Protein backbone atom coordinates (compact mmCIF):
# COMPACT_ATOMS: atom_id res chain seq x y z
CA UNK A 1 135.83 108.02 172.82
CA UNK A 2 137.01 104.53 171.89
CA UNK A 3 135.76 102.77 168.80
CA UNK A 4 134.88 99.07 169.02
CA UNK A 5 135.35 97.10 165.79
CA UNK A 6 132.97 94.39 167.05
CA UNK A 7 129.86 96.54 166.80
CA UNK A 8 127.35 96.18 164.01
CA UNK A 9 125.49 99.11 162.46
CA UNK A 10 122.91 99.01 165.30
CA UNK A 11 125.52 99.14 168.08
CA UNK A 12 125.26 95.46 169.07
CA UNK A 13 128.48 93.76 170.20
CA UNK A 14 129.16 90.96 167.70
CA UNK A 15 131.75 89.33 169.93
CA UNK A 16 128.89 88.20 172.19
CA UNK A 17 127.01 86.50 169.36
CA UNK A 18 127.63 82.78 169.04
CA UNK A 19 127.50 81.38 165.51
CA UNK A 20 124.24 79.52 164.97
CA UNK A 21 125.56 76.20 163.68
CA UNK A 22 129.07 76.19 165.12
CA UNK A 23 128.38 73.21 167.41
CA UNK A 24 127.09 71.11 164.53
CA UNK A 25 129.92 72.12 162.22
CA UNK A 26 132.50 71.14 164.82
CA UNK A 27 130.73 67.88 165.60
CA UNK A 28 130.25 66.71 162.03
CA UNK A 29 133.42 68.15 160.50
CA UNK A 30 135.08 65.67 158.15
CA UNK A 31 132.10 63.30 158.07
CA UNK A 32 130.12 62.30 155.01
CA UNK A 33 126.34 62.69 154.86
CA UNK A 34 126.00 58.93 155.27
CA UNK A 35 128.18 58.95 158.39
CA UNK A 36 126.20 61.83 159.86
CA UNK A 37 122.93 60.05 159.10
CA UNK A 38 124.13 56.78 160.69
CA UNK A 39 125.34 58.65 163.76
CA UNK A 40 122.04 60.48 164.21
CA UNK A 41 120.03 57.27 163.70
CA UNK A 42 122.18 55.45 166.27
CA UNK A 43 121.65 58.26 168.78
CA UNK A 44 117.89 58.18 168.18
CA UNK A 45 117.80 54.40 168.64
CA UNK A 46 119.80 54.69 171.86
CA UNK A 47 117.48 57.40 173.16
CA UNK A 48 114.44 55.25 172.27
CA UNK A 49 115.95 52.22 174.04
CA UNK A 50 116.57 54.30 177.17
CA UNK A 51 112.99 55.59 177.06
CA UNK A 52 111.61 52.06 176.70
CA UNK A 53 113.76 50.88 179.62
CA UNK A 54 112.50 53.75 181.77
CA UNK A 55 108.90 52.93 180.80
CA UNK A 56 109.47 49.26 181.67
CA UNK A 57 110.88 50.19 185.09
CA UNK A 58 107.90 52.48 185.75
CA UNK A 59 105.43 49.76 184.76
CA UNK A 60 107.20 47.26 187.02
CA UNK A 61 106.88 49.70 189.93
CA UNK A 62 103.16 50.12 189.26
CA UNK A 63 102.73 46.34 188.98
CA UNK A 64 104.50 45.74 192.32
CA UNK A 65 102.43 48.44 193.99
CA UNK A 66 99.21 46.84 192.73
CA UNK A 67 100.38 43.40 193.92
CA UNK A 68 100.96 44.78 197.41
CA UNK A 69 97.61 46.55 197.47
CA UNK A 70 95.85 43.41 196.21
CA UNK A 71 97.51 41.34 198.95
CA UNK A 72 96.15 43.79 201.53
CA UNK A 73 92.70 43.73 199.95
CA UNK A 74 92.88 47.35 198.84
CA UNK A 75 92.94 46.69 195.09
CA UNK A 76 90.33 45.01 192.95
CA UNK A 77 91.47 43.23 189.80
CA UNK A 78 89.92 44.31 186.56
CA UNK A 79 88.62 41.77 184.07
CA UNK A 80 91.55 39.96 182.46
CA UNK A 81 94.14 41.51 184.79
CA UNK A 82 96.80 39.11 186.08
CA UNK A 83 99.21 40.16 188.82
CA UNK A 84 101.31 36.98 188.58
CA UNK A 85 102.85 38.14 185.29
CA UNK A 86 106.39 39.40 185.90
């Protein structure tokens, strides 16, 4: 019977276990807390800008669809709604 040094006291193979924070340690190694904070804030701002751009594109699609339906007489404008706005 062979003995595996990678087993814990419950018989689980520790070589299969990935360290919990290894990705973060490797990513932020050598950086100060301020650098890490700036990097995370920049990533959040970039993600927010992408989300806003996607929302804008979706709203433009909806607006164009409503303009086409209105031109065909299949859409009724609500009070204060303007389809000429880009």
